[in-house]
Amino acid sequence: MNRLKLLAEKIIVIGAILLAAVNPGYAEMFRIVGFGDSLMAGYQLDMADGFTERLERALRERGIDVTVTNAGVSGDTTTGGLQRLDWSVPDDTDLVIVELGANDALRGLSPETTAENLDRIISRLKERGMTVLLAGMLAPPNMGREYESRFNAIFPSLAEKHRVAFYPFFLEGVAANPALLLADGMHPNADGVQVMVERVVPLIETMMREAKQ
C-alpha cells in the first residue's frame, strides 16, 4: 500500500514538472498591472470588455496562468500617475504596462513635464524589480506640429533610455476608425479593445517568457 502511495506521489510530481515545462506560468502565477488612464480603465465599457480583462482572458486562453489587474484611472495625467504609483502597483507585480500621457496632450501640458514624470515612473518600477512595457501615445493634430513633435518623441526616447519594451501606439489599428470607437471618437468600444489586445498579446507573451528565464 505504501509503495502504491509513493508511486502515486511520484506520478503527481512528474506531471507537475511536465506541465511547468510546457507552460512556465503553471508553476507560479504571473502578475501584470495595467497602469494608465481611461484607455486602461475601460471608459464606458462593461467590466468584462475592458483592456485588462480581455488581455487576461486572451492570455489564459493560451494556457498561461496570469492575472491582469486594472490600475487605470479615467482622466489621469502622468503627474497623477506618479503620485499614486506606489500604492497602485503591488510589490509582487511582475510586469507593468505603463499607459499614460494622453490627457497631458489633450490639456496641452508641457511635454518636458510629461517626459520627466514618465521617466520617474519607469525608474521607480525598475528599482522595484518589475518589467516595464511602455505604451506610446500620439498628440492630437490640433495641438500643432511643434507640440506634436516634442510630445511624440517622449516615448521612444524613454524606451531607449531605460531599455524597456516599447509598444509605439496604444490605439494602433483603432484610432480614427469610427467602427472601433465610442461616440466621443477617442475611446475604444468593445470591438476596439479586442483589436488592441490582439495586437499587443504577442509582445506581452514574449516579455513574459523572457522575464521568467
Protein backbone atom coordinates (compact mmCIF):
# COMPACT_ATOMS: atom_id res chain seq x y z
CA MET A 1 0.00 0.00 0.00
CA ASN A 2 2.84 2.36 0.89
CA ARG A 3 4.54 1.53 -2.41
CA LEU A 4 1.38 2.45 -4.30
CA LYS A 5 1.15 5.72 -2.38
CA LEU A 6 4.77 6.57 -3.16
CA LEU A 7 4.24 5.71 -6.82
CA ALA A 8 1.18 7.95 -6.99
CA GLU A 9 3.08 10.82 -5.39
CA LYS A 10 5.91 10.42 -7.91
CA ILE A 11 3.44 10.50 -10.80
CA ILE A 12 1.91 13.71 -9.46
CA VAL A 13 5.32 15.36 -9.12
CA ILE A 14 6.39 14.27 -12.61
CA GLY A 15 3.11 15.53 -14.03
CA ALA A 16 3.60 18.93 -12.39
CA ILE A 17 7.13 19.16 -13.76
CA LEU A 18 5.94 18.33 -17.27
CA LEU A 19 3.15 20.89 -17.09
CA ALA A 20 5.54 23.55 -15.86
CA ALA A 21 7.89 22.78 -18.75
CA VAL A 22 5.12 23.14 -21.30
CA ASN A 23 3.69 26.24 -19.64
CA PRO A 24 6.11 28.18 -17.40
CA GLY A 25 3.22 30.10 -15.90
CA TYR A 26 1.76 26.92 -14.44
CA ALA A 27 4.25 26.70 -11.59
CA GLU A 28 3.81 30.30 -10.49
CA MET A 29 1.16 32.91 -11.20
CA PHE A 30 2.42 35.76 -13.39
CA ARG A 31 1.08 39.15 -12.30
CA ILE A 32 0.53 42.03 -14.71
CA VAL A 33 -0.74 45.51 -13.85
CA GLY A 34 -2.20 47.87 -16.44
CA PHE A 35 -1.25 51.31 -15.13
CA GLY A 36 -2.88 54.11 -17.06
CA ASP A 37 -5.80 56.41 -17.73
CA SER A 38 -9.31 55.93 -19.17
CA LEU A 39 -7.96 53.85 -22.06
CA MET A 40 -6.77 51.33 -19.49
CA ALA A 41 -9.67 51.83 -17.09
CA GLY A 42 -12.27 50.83 -19.70
CA TYR A 43 -14.17 54.09 -20.03
CA GLN A 44 -17.93 53.49 -20.54
CA LEU A 45 -17.41 49.77 -21.12
CA ASP A 46 -18.76 46.78 -19.25
CA MET A 47 -16.13 45.42 -16.88
CA ALA A 48 -15.68 42.28 -18.97
CA ASP A 49 -14.86 44.37 -22.05
CA GLY A 50 -12.03 46.45 -20.58
CA PHE A 51 -8.47 46.11 -21.85
CA THR A 52 -7.05 44.38 -18.77
CA GLU A 53 -9.94 41.93 -18.53
CA ARG A 54 -9.72 40.99 -22.20
CA LEU A 55 -5.94 40.74 -22.03
CA GLU A 56 -6.14 38.35 -19.09
CA ARG A 57 -8.73 36.26 -20.94
CA ALA A 58 -6.61 36.14 -24.10
CA LEU A 59 -3.51 35.03 -22.19
CA ARG A 60 -5.41 32.40 -20.21
CA GLU A 61 -6.86 31.02 -23.45
CA ARG A 62 -3.23 30.47 -24.47
CA GLY A 63 -2.71 28.35 -21.36
CA ILE A 64 -0.89 31.00 -19.34
CA ASP A 65 -1.54 31.28 -15.61
CA VAL A 66 -1.82 35.05 -15.25
CA THR A 67 -3.71 37.84 -13.55
CA VAL A 68 -4.02 41.28 -15.14
CA THR A 69 -5.04 43.98 -12.68
CA ASN A 70 -6.71 47.19 -13.81
CA ALA A 71 -4.92 50.21 -12.32
CA GLY A 72 -6.35 52.70 -14.78
CA VAL A 73 -7.93 55.98 -13.63
CA SER A 74 -10.03 57.98 -16.06
CA GLY A 75 -8.70 61.48 -16.59
CA ASP A 76 -5.34 60.69 -15.05
CA THR A 77 -2.23 62.55 -16.18
CA THR A 78 1.38 61.50 -15.79
CA THR A 79 1.57 63.74 -12.71
CA GLY A 80 -1.37 61.93 -11.12
CA GLY A 81 0.09 58.59 -12.08
CA LEU A 82 3.41 59.40 -10.45
CA GLN A 83 1.66 60.44 -7.25
CA ARG A 84 -0.32 57.20 -6.94
CA LEU A 85 2.28 54.82 -8.37
CA ASP A 86 3.49 53.16 -5.18
CA TRP A 87 0.07 52.18 -3.87
CA SER A 88 -1.43 51.39 -7.30
CA VAL A 89 1.18 48.77 -8.20
CA PRO A 90 1.65 45.96 -5.62
CA ASP A 91 5.13 44.76 -4.76
CA ASP A 92 4.53 41.26 -6.18
CA THR A 93 3.83 42.58 -9.68
CA ASP A 94 5.93 41.00 -12.45
CA LEU A 95 5.11 43.26 -15.39
CA VAL A 96 3.63 46.76 -15.61
CA ILE A 97 2.06 48.21 -18.74
CA VAL A 98 2.62 51.96 -18.42
CA GLU A 99 -0.02 53.79 -20.46
CA LEU A 100 -0.15 57.48 -19.58
CA GLY A 101 0.22 60.77 -21.42
CA ALA A 102 -2.95 61.11 -23.49
CA ASN A 103 -4.54 63.53 -21.02
CA ASP A 104 -1.33 65.53 -20.79
CA ALA A 105 -1.54 66.12 -24.55
CA LEU A 106 -5.28 66.87 -24.53
CA ARG A 107 -4.66 69.54 -21.90
CA GLY A 108 -1.64 70.93 -23.69
CA LEU A 109 0.66 70.25 -20.74
CA SER A 110 4.38 70.68 -21.16
CA PRO A 111 5.93 67.68 -22.97
CA GLU A 112 9.01 68.18 -20.81
CA THR A 113 6.92 67.66 -17.67
CA THR A 114 5.28 64.59 -19.19
CA ALA A 115 8.68 63.16 -20.06
CA GLU A 116 10.03 63.82 -16.55
CA ASN A 117 7.03 62.15 -14.90
CA LEU A 118 7.22 59.07 -17.12
CA ASP A 119 10.97 58.92 -16.56
CA ARG A 120 10.43 58.78 -12.80
CA ILE A 121 7.61 56.24 -13.10
CA ILE A 122 9.73 53.86 -15.17
CA SER A 123 12.75 54.34 -12.91
CA ARG A 124 10.75 53.59 -9.80
CA LEU A 125 9.22 50.44 -11.26
CA LYS A 126 12.61 49.16 -12.36
CA GLU A 127 14.05 49.88 -8.92
CA ARG A 128 11.29 47.63 -7.55
CA GLY A 129 12.42 44.84 -9.86
CA MET A 130 9.47 44.98 -12.26
CA THR A 131 9.48 44.53 -16.01
CA VAL A 132 8.02 47.51 -17.87
CA LEU A 133 6.15 47.77 -21.15
CA LEU A 134 5.86 51.40 -22.21
CA ALA A 135 2.77 52.07 -24.33
CA GLY A 136 3.23 55.08 -26.56
CA MET A 137 0.74 57.82 -27.29
CA LEU A 138 0.47 60.42 -30.06
CA ALA A 139 -0.51 64.06 -29.62
CA PRO A 140 -3.76 65.15 -31.30
CA PRO A 141 -3.12 67.02 -34.59
CA ASN A 142 -4.89 70.15 -33.38
CA MET A 143 -2.05 70.82 -30.92
CA GLY A 144 0.18 71.94 -33.76
CA ARG A 145 3.25 70.43 -35.36
CA GLU A 146 5.76 71.85 -32.89
CA TYR A 147 3.91 70.42 -29.86
CA GLU A 148 3.24 67.17 -31.71
CA SER A 149 6.93 66.73 -32.48
CA ARG A 150 8.03 67.32 -28.89
CA PHE A 151 5.32 65.13 -27.38
CA ASN A 152 5.58 62.18 -29.76
CA ALA A 153 9.32 61.94 -29.23
CA ILE A 154 8.90 61.31 -25.48
CA PHE A 155 8.02 57.63 -25.65
CA PRO A 156 10.64 56.15 -27.98
CA SER A 157 13.28 58.24 -26.25
CA LEU A 158 12.37 56.93 -22.78
CA ALA A 159 12.11 53.35 -24.02
CA GLU A 160 15.63 53.61 -25.41
CA LYS A 161 16.98 55.33 -22.29
CA HIS A 162 15.60 52.73 -19.91
CA ARG A 163 15.91 49.78 -22.29
CA VAL A 164 12.31 48.73 -21.74
CA ALA A 165 9.88 47.14 -24.17
CA PHE A 166 8.02 49.66 -26.28
CA TYR A 167 4.63 49.46 -27.98
CA PRO A 168 4.63 52.59 -30.16
CA PHE A 169 0.92 53.50 -30.12
CA PHE A 170 -1.59 52.03 -27.67
CA LEU A 171 -4.53 52.77 -30.02
CA GLU A 172 -2.84 51.30 -33.09
CA GLY A 173 -5.45 49.99 -35.52
CA VAL A 174 -8.27 51.66 -33.59
CA ALA A 175 -7.72 55.43 -33.65
CA ALA A 176 -9.69 57.29 -36.33
CA ASN A 177 -11.83 54.22 -37.05
CA PRO A 178 -15.42 55.11 -36.06
CA ALA A 179 -16.46 51.44 -36.05
CA LEU A 180 -13.99 50.75 -33.23
CA LEU A 181 -14.59 53.88 -31.15
CA LEU A 182 -17.23 55.21 -28.79
CA ALA A 183 -19.33 58.19 -29.85
CA ASP A 184 -16.68 60.57 -28.44
CA GLY A 185 -14.28 59.48 -31.17
CA MET A 186 -11.44 59.00 -28.68
CA HIS A 187 -12.08 55.89 -26.59
CA PRO A 188 -12.28 52.33 -27.95
CA ASN A 189 -15.52 50.40 -27.85
CA ALA A 190 -15.56 46.68 -27.06
CA ASP A 191 -14.54 45.75 -30.60
CA GLY A 192 -11.76 48.32 -30.49
CA VAL A 193 -10.41 46.87 -27.25
CA GLN A 194 -10.36 43.44 -28.83
CA VAL A 195 -8.23 44.76 -31.68
CA MET A 196 -5.85 46.40 -29.20
CA VAL A 197 -5.47 43.18 -27.22
CA GLU A 198 -4.88 41.02 -30.30
CA ARG A 199 -2.14 43.36 -31.47
CA VAL A 200 -0.26 43.57 -28.18
CA VAL A 201 -0.58 39.96 -26.96
CA PRO A 202 2.41 38.59 -28.94
CA LEU A 203 4.72 41.20 -27.40
CA ILE A 204 3.45 40.52 -23.89
CA GLU A 205 3.85 36.76 -24.33
CA THR A 206 7.46 37.29 -25.38
CA MET A 207 8.10 39.56 -22.40
CA MET A 208 6.63 37.01 -20.01
CA ARG A 209 8.87 34.25 -21.32
CA GLU A 210 11.95 36.45 -21.03
CA ALA A 211 11.01 37.63 -17.52
CA LYS A 212 10.84 34.05 -16.26
CA GLN A 213 14.20 32.98 -17.71
